[in-house]
Amino acid sequence: MAKSKKFIMIKEYKQMMYLENLHKKNTIDLDKYFKYSGKIEVGKKFKEPKGDYVYKHRIIINNDMSKYKF
């Protein structure tokens, strides 16, 4: 009984590996497919980001809280 379970598990593993390789071969990963242009889509056109769309880098704020007493 234990041998048959092992054979079934090995058979399923081989089938899973075959299907993974087939999937990798037949699909395109679009995460790195297109070159990053830095433009964003506004309406139906691509434009350079301006105004509210520009990413503002974080600003370090030094708050001196020593003047307050709890």
PDB file of N, CA and C in Angstrom:
ATOM      1  N   MET A   1       0.823  -1.195   0.000  1.00  0.00           N
ATOM      2  CA  MET A   1       0.000   0.000   0.000  1.00  0.00           C
ATOM      3  C   MET A   1       0.862   1.252   0.000  1.00  0.00           C
ATOM      4  N   ALA A   2       1.957   1.245   0.758  1.00  0.00           N
ATOM      5  CA  ALA A   2       2.823   2.417   0.865  1.00  0.00           C
ATOM      6  C   ALA A   2       3.536   2.685  -0.452  1.00  0.00           C
ATOM      7  N   LYS A   3       3.902   1.616  -1.195  1.00  0.00           N
ATOM      8  CA  LYS A   3       4.589   1.804  -2.466  1.00  0.00           C
ATOM      9  C   LYS A   3       3.684   2.484  -3.486  1.00  0.00           C
ATOM     10  N   SER A   4       2.422   2.119  -3.490  1.00  0.00           N
ATOM     11  CA  SER A   4       1.515   2.714  -4.464  1.00  0.00           C
ATOM     12  C   SER A   4       1.315   4.210  -4.184  1.00  0.00           C
ATOM     13  N   LYS A   5       1.287   4.603  -2.911  1.00  0.00           N
ATOM     14  CA  LYS A   5       1.165   6.019  -2.571  1.00  0.00           C
ATOM     15  C   LYS A   5       2.407   6.777  -3.003  1.00  0.00           C
ATOM     16  N   LYS A   6       3.584   6.156  -2.845  1.00  0.00           N
ATOM     17  CA  LYS A   6       4.822   6.795  -3.264  1.00  0.00           C
ATOM     18  C   LYS A   6       4.839   6.985  -4.772  1.00  0.00           C
ATOM     19  N   PHE A   7       4.415   5.961  -5.506  1.00  0.00           N
ATOM     20  CA  PHE A   7       4.396   6.056  -6.968  1.00  0.00           C
ATOM     21  C   PHE A   7       3.420   7.127  -7.448  1.00  0.00           C
ATOM     22  N   ILE A   8       2.268   7.221  -6.778  1.00  0.00           N
ATOM     23  CA  ILE A   8       1.278   8.240  -7.140  1.00  0.00           C
ATOM     24  C   ILE A   8       1.838   9.634  -6.849  1.00  0.00           C
ATOM     25  N   MET A   9       2.507   9.782  -5.701  1.00  0.00           N
ATOM     26  CA  MET A   9       3.077  11.072  -5.338  1.00  0.00           C
ATOM     27  C   MET A   9       4.195  11.464  -6.312  1.00  0.00           C
ATOM     28  N   ILE A  10       5.027  10.520  -6.698  1.00  0.00           N
ATOM     29  CA  ILE A  10       6.097  10.799  -7.661  1.00  0.00           C
ATOM     30  C   ILE A  10       5.509  11.173  -9.014  1.00  0.00           C
ATOM     31  N   LYS A  11       4.464  10.467  -9.412  1.00  0.00           N
ATOM     32  CA  LYS A  11       3.809  10.755 -10.682  1.00  0.00           C
ATOM     33  C   LYS A  11       3.181  12.158 -10.678  1.00  0.00           C
ATOM     34  N   GLU A  12       2.539  12.517  -9.575  1.00  0.00           N
ATOM     35  CA  GLU A  12       1.949  13.855  -9.462  1.00  0.00           C
ATOM     36  C   GLU A  12       3.026  14.936  -9.466  1.00  0.00           C
ATOM     37  N   TYR A  13       4.156  14.676  -8.801  1.00  0.00           N
ATOM     38  CA  TYR A  13       5.250  15.644  -8.773  1.00  0.00           C
ATOM     39  C   TYR A  13       5.834  15.849 -10.174  1.00  0.00           C
ATOM     40  N   LYS A  14       6.031  14.772 -10.906  1.00  0.00           N
ATOM     41  CA  LYS A  14       6.539  14.890 -12.272  1.00  0.00           C
ATOM     42  C   LYS A  14       5.576  15.669 -13.161  1.00  0.00           C
ATOM     43  N   GLN A  15       4.283  15.418 -12.991  1.00  0.00           N
ATOM     44  CA  GLN A  15       3.279  16.140 -13.760  1.00  0.00           C
ATOM     45  C   GLN A  15       3.279  17.627 -13.388  1.00  0.00           C
ATOM     46  N   MET A  16       3.418  17.937 -12.103  1.00  0.00           N
ATOM     47  CA  MET A  16       3.456  19.319 -11.652  1.00  0.00           C
ATOM     48  C   MET A  16       4.679  20.040 -12.233  1.00  0.00           C
ATOM     49  N   MET A  17       5.836  19.402 -12.224  1.00  0.00           N
ATOM     50  CA  MET A  17       7.043  20.009 -12.785  1.00  0.00           C
ATOM     51  C   MET A  17       6.902  20.216 -14.294  1.00  0.00           C
ATOM     52  N   TYR A  18       6.307  19.259 -14.981  1.00  0.00           N
ATOM     53  CA  TYR A  18       6.092  19.386 -16.424  1.00  0.00           C
ATOM     54  C   TYR A  18       5.173  20.575 -16.721  1.00  0.00           C
ATOM     55  N   LEU A  19       4.099  20.710 -15.953  1.00  0.00           N
ATOM     56  CA  LEU A  19       3.163  21.814 -16.173  1.00  0.00           C
ATOM     57  C   LEU A  19       3.787  23.166 -15.836  1.00  0.00           C
ATOM     58  N   GLU A  20       4.626  23.225 -14.801  1.00  0.00           N
ATOM     59  CA  GLU A  20       5.330  24.477 -14.475  1.00  0.00           C
ATOM     60  C   GLU A  20       6.268  24.887 -15.602  1.00  0.00           C
ATOM     61  N   ASN A  21       7.026  23.936 -16.129  1.00  0.00           N
ATOM     62  CA  ASN A  21       7.939  24.242 -17.230  1.00  0.00           C
ATOM     63  C   ASN A  21       7.174  24.665 -18.485  1.00  0.00           C
ATOM     64  N   LEU A  22       6.068  24.031 -18.741  1.00  0.00           N
ATOM     65  CA  LEU A  22       5.232  24.394 -19.890  1.00  0.00           C
ATOM     66  C   LEU A  22       4.662  25.796 -19.714  1.00  0.00           C
ATOM     67  N   HIS A  23       4.248  26.128 -18.502  1.00  0.00           N
ATOM     68  CA  HIS A  23       3.706  27.462 -18.215  1.00  0.00           C
ATOM     69  C   HIS A  23       4.786  28.537 -18.390  1.00  0.00           C
ATOM     70  N   LYS A  24       5.998  28.283 -17.886  1.00  0.00           N
ATOM     71  CA  LYS A  24       7.098  29.238 -18.027  1.00  0.00           C
ATOM     72  C   LYS A  24       7.454  29.460 -19.495  1.00  0.00           C
ATOM     73  N   LYS A  25       7.392  28.406 -20.270  1.00  0.00           N
ATOM     74  CA  LYS A  25       7.760  28.498 -21.681  1.00  0.00           C
ATOM     75  C   LYS A  25       6.711  29.260 -22.493  1.00  0.00           C
ATOM     76  N   ASN A  26       5.452  29.168 -22.107  1.00  0.00           N
ATOM     77  CA  ASN A  26       4.367  29.739 -22.904  1.00  0.00           C
ATOM     78  C   ASN A  26       3.854  31.085 -22.401  1.00  0.00           C
ATOM     79  N   THR A  27       4.427  31.638 -21.342  1.00  0.00           N
ATOM     80  CA  THR A  27       3.965  32.919 -20.834  1.00  0.00           C
ATOM     81  C   THR A  27       5.104  33.935 -20.828  1.00  0.00           C
ATOM     82  N   ILE A  28       4.734  35.209 -20.900  1.00  0.00           N
ATOM     83  CA  ILE A  28       5.704  36.299 -20.873  1.00  0.00           C
ATOM     84  C   ILE A  28       5.502  37.053 -19.561  1.00  0.00           C
ATOM     85  N   ASP A  29       6.586  37.262 -18.835  1.00  0.00           N
ATOM     86  CA  ASP A  29       6.525  38.039 -17.599  1.00  0.00           C
ATOM     87  C   ASP A  29       6.601  39.507 -17.973  1.00  0.00           C
ATOM     88  N   LEU A  30       5.494  40.235 -17.789  1.00  0.00           N
ATOM     89  CA  LEU A  30       5.423  41.626 -18.230  1.00  0.00           C
ATOM     90  C   LEU A  30       5.970  42.614 -17.204  1.00  0.00           C
ATOM     91  N   ASP A  31       6.427  42.136 -16.047  1.00  0.00           N
ATOM     92  CA  ASP A  31       6.963  43.058 -15.049  1.00  0.00           C
ATOM     93  C   ASP A  31       8.207  43.772 -15.559  1.00  0.00           C
ATOM     94  N   LYS A  32       9.055  43.076 -16.285  1.00  0.00           N
ATOM     95  CA  LYS A  32      10.296  43.668 -16.793  1.00  0.00           C
ATOM     96  C   LYS A  32      10.306  43.711 -18.320  1.00  0.00           C
ATOM     97  N   TYR A  33       9.166  43.555 -18.946  1.00  0.00           N
ATOM     98  CA  TYR A  33       9.090  43.482 -20.403  1.00  0.00           C
ATOM     99  C   TYR A  33       9.200  44.869 -21.033  1.00  0.00           C
ATOM    100  N   PHE A  34       8.594  45.879 -20.397  1.00  0.00           N
ATOM    101  CA  PHE A  34       8.586  47.226 -20.946  1.00  0.00           C
ATOM    102  C   PHE A  34       9.609  48.092 -20.221  1.00  0.00           C
ATOM    103  N   LYS A  35      10.253  48.979 -20.955  1.00  0.00           N
ATOM    104  CA  LYS A  35      11.205  49.906 -20.365  1.00  0.00           C
ATOM    105  C   LYS A  35      10.432  50.983 -19.611  1.00  0.00           C
ATOM    106  N   TYR A  36      10.919  51.371 -18.436  1.00  0.00           N
ATOM    107  CA  TYR A  36      10.261  52.387 -17.631  1.00  0.00           C
ATOM    108  C   TYR A  36      10.542  53.752 -18.240  1.00  0.00           C
ATOM    109  N   SER A  37       9.506  54.489 -18.588  1.00  0.00           N
ATOM    110  CA  SER A  37       9.662  55.786 -19.234  1.00  0.00           C
ATOM    111  C   SER A  37       9.521  56.942 -18.258  1.00  0.00           C
ATOM    112  N   GLY A  38       8.948  56.708 -17.095  1.00  0.00           N
ATOM    113  CA  GLY A  38       8.741  57.770 -16.126  1.00  0.00           C
ATOM    114  C   GLY A  38       7.472  58.555 -16.381  1.00  0.00           C
ATOM    115  N   LYS A  39       6.742  58.213 -17.427  1.00  0.00           N
ATOM    116  CA  LYS A  39       5.515  58.924 -17.751  1.00  0.00           C
ATOM    117  C   LYS A  39       4.326  58.217 -17.108  1.00  0.00           C
ATOM    118  N   ILE A  40       3.239  58.977 -16.925  1.00  0.00           N
ATOM    119  CA  ILE A  40       2.022  58.413 -16.362  1.00  0.00           C
ATOM    120  C   ILE A  40       0.883  58.625 -17.358  1.00  0.00           C
ATOM    121  N   GLU A  41      -0.136  57.799 -17.236  1.00  0.00           N
ATOM    122  CA  GLU A  41      -1.273  57.886 -18.145  1.00  0.00           C
ATOM    123  C   GLU A  41      -2.325  58.811 -17.545  1.00  0.00           C
ATOM    124  N   VAL A  42      -2.604  59.902 -18.251  1.00  0.00           N
ATOM    125  CA  VAL A  42      -3.647  60.839 -17.850  1.00  0.00           C
ATOM    126  C   VAL A  42      -4.649  60.877 -18.989  1.00  0.00           C
ATOM    127  N   GLY A  43      -5.854  60.426 -18.700  1.00  0.00           N
ATOM    128  CA  GLY A  43      -6.844  60.303 -19.768  1.00  0.00           C
ATOM    129  C   GLY A  43      -6.425  59.164 -20.681  1.00  0.00           C
ATOM    130  N   LYS A  44      -6.173  59.477 -21.955  1.00  0.00           N
ATOM    131  CA  LYS A  44      -5.723  58.453 -22.894  1.00  0.00           C
ATOM    132  C   LYS A  44      -4.321  58.745 -23.420  1.00  0.00           C
ATOM    133  N   LYS A  45      -3.631  59.696 -22.784  1.00  0.00           N
ATOM    134  CA  LYS A  45      -2.298  60.075 -23.235  1.00  0.00           C
ATOM    135  C   LYS A  45      -1.291  59.896 -22.114  1.00  0.00           C
ATOM    136  N   PHE A  46      -0.043  59.673 -22.498  1.00  0.00           N
ATOM    137  CA  PHE A  46       1.035  59.573 -21.533  1.00  0.00           C
ATOM    138  C   PHE A  46       1.719  60.927 -21.419  1.00  0.00           C
ATOM    139  N   LYS A  47       1.862  61.412 -20.183  1.00  0.00           N
ATOM    140  CA  LYS A  47       2.447  62.723 -19.943  1.00  0.00           C
ATOM    141  C   LYS A  47       3.501  62.628 -18.854  1.00  0.00           C
ATOM    142  N   GLU A  48       4.393  63.621 -18.860  1.00  0.00           N
ATOM    143  CA  GLU A  48       5.380  63.725 -17.786  1.00  0.00           C
ATOM    144  C   GLU A  48       4.649  64.115 -16.503  1.00  0.00           C
ATOM    145  N   PRO A  49       5.010  63.550 -15.375  1.00  0.00           N
ATOM    146  CA  PRO A  49       4.328  63.908 -14.125  1.00  0.00           C
ATOM    147  C   PRO A  49       4.656  65.339 -13.712  1.00  0.00           C
ATOM    148  N   LYS A  50       3.624  66.112 -13.405  1.00  0.00           N
ATOM    149  CA  LYS A  50       3.774  67.501 -12.967  1.00  0.00           C
ATOM    150  C   LYS A  50       2.808  67.752 -11.826  1.00  0.00           C
ATOM    151  N   GLY A  51       3.134  68.729 -10.990  1.00  0.00           N
ATOM    152  CA  GLY A  51       2.220  69.146  -9.920  1.00  0.00           C
ATOM    153  C   GLY A  51       1.979  68.073  -8.887  1.00  0.00           C
ATOM    154  N   ASP A  52       0.729  67.647  -8.762  1.00  0.00           N
ATOM    155  CA  ASP A  52       0.345  66.676  -7.737  1.00  0.00           C
ATOM    156  C   ASP A  52       0.907  65.291  -8.009  1.00  0.00           C
ATOM    157  N   TYR A  53       1.303  65.005  -9.225  1.00  0.00           N
ATOM    158  CA  TYR A  53       1.755  63.672  -9.581  1.00  0.00           C
ATOM    159  C   TYR A  53       3.237  63.435  -9.286  1.00  0.00           C
ATOM    160  N   VAL A  54       3.975  64.507  -8.998  1.00  0.00           N
ATOM    161  CA  VAL A  54       5.402  64.377  -8.733  1.00  0.00           C
ATOM    162  C   VAL A  54       5.600  63.816  -7.335  1.00  0.00           C
ATOM    163  N   TYR A  55       6.461  62.833  -7.238  1.00  0.00           N
ATOM    164  CA  TYR A  55       6.754  62.206  -5.943  1.00  0.00           C
ATOM    165  C   TYR A  55       7.670  63.126  -5.152  1.00  0.00           C
ATOM    166  N   LYS A  56       7.261  63.450  -3.943  1.00  0.00           N
ATOM    167  CA  LYS A  56       8.073  64.284  -3.071  1.00  0.00           C
ATOM    168  C   LYS A  56       8.834  63.378  -2.113  1.00  0.00           C
ATOM    169  N   HIS A  57      10.138  63.540  -2.098  1.00  0.00           N
ATOM    170  CA  HIS A  57      10.948  62.733  -1.195  1.00  0.00           C
ATOM    171  C   HIS A  57      10.652  63.138   0.240  1.00  0.00           C
ATOM    172  N   ARG A  58      10.824  62.218   1.133  1.00  0.00           N
ATOM    173  CA  ARG A  58      10.489  62.482   2.530  1.00  0.00           C
ATOM    174  C   ARG A  58      11.410  63.555   3.099  1.00  0.00           C
ATOM    175  N   ILE A  59      10.844  64.349   3.959  1.00  0.00           N
ATOM    176  CA  ILE A  59      11.575  65.410   4.628  1.00  0.00           C
ATOM    177  C   ILE A  59      11.662  65.029   6.098  1.00  0.00           C
ATOM    178  N   ILE A  60      12.859  65.056   6.636  1.00  0.00           N
ATOM    179  CA  ILE A  60      13.048  64.707   8.040  1.00  0.00           C
ATOM    180  C   ILE A  60      12.712  65.935   8.880  1.00  0.00           C
ATOM    181  N   ILE A  61      11.778  65.769   9.808  1.00  0.00           N
ATOM    182  CA  ILE A  61      11.337  66.854  10.676  1.00  0.00           C
ATOM    183  C   ILE A  61      11.874  66.583  12.068  1.00  0.00           C
ATOM    184  N   ASN A  62      12.596  67.553  12.592  1.00  0.00           N
ATOM    185  CA  ASN A  62      13.125  67.419  13.948  1.00  0.00           C
ATOM    186  C   ASN A  62      12.243  68.236  14.890  1.00  0.00           C
ATOM    187  N   ASN A  63      11.389  67.566  15.606  1.00  0.00           N
ATOM    188  CA  ASN A  63      10.506  68.230  16.561  1.00  0.00           C
ATOM    189  C   ASN A  63      11.137  68.180  17.941  1.00  0.00           C
ATOM    190  N   ASP A  64      11.438  69.328  18.477  1.00  0.00           N
ATOM    191  CA  ASP A  64      11.968  69.391  19.832  1.00  0.00           C
ATOM    192  C   ASP A  64      10.789  69.496  20.789  1.00  0.00           C
ATOM    193  N   MET A  65      10.497  68.419  21.475  1.00  0.00           N
ATOM    194  CA  MET A  65       9.335  68.368  22.367  1.00  0.00           C
ATOM    195  C   MET A  65       9.714  68.641  23.814  1.00  0.00           C
ATOM    196  N   SER A  66      10.922  69.136  24.035  1.00  0.00           N
ATOM    197  CA  SER A  66      11.376  69.352  25.407  1.00  0.00           C
ATOM    198  C   SER A  66      10.658  70.505  26.091  1.00  0.00           C
ATOM    199  N   LYS A  67      10.071  71.426  25.339  1.00  0.00           N
ATOM    200  CA  LYS A  67       9.381  72.568  25.955  1.00  0.00           C
ATOM    201  C   LYS A  67       8.007  72.203  26.524  1.00  0.00           C
ATOM    202  N   TYR A  68       7.509  71.023  26.161  1.00  0.00           N
ATOM    203  CA  TYR A  68       6.216  70.564  26.683  1.00  0.00           C
ATOM    204  C   TYR A  68       6.407  69.681  27.897  1.00  0.00           C
ATOM    205  N   LYS A  69       5.510  69.806  28.860  1.00  0.00           N
ATOM    206  CA  LYS A  69       5.552  68.967  30.051  1.00  0.00           C
ATOM    207  C   LYS A  69       4.286  68.155  30.117  1.00  0.00           C
ATOM    208  N   PHE A  70       4.440  66.904  30.477  1.00  0.00           N
ATOM    209  CA  PHE A  70       3.288  66.022  30.573  1.00  0.00           C
ATOM    210  C   PHE A  70       2.772  65.935  31.977  1.00  0.00           C
TER     211      PHE A  70
END
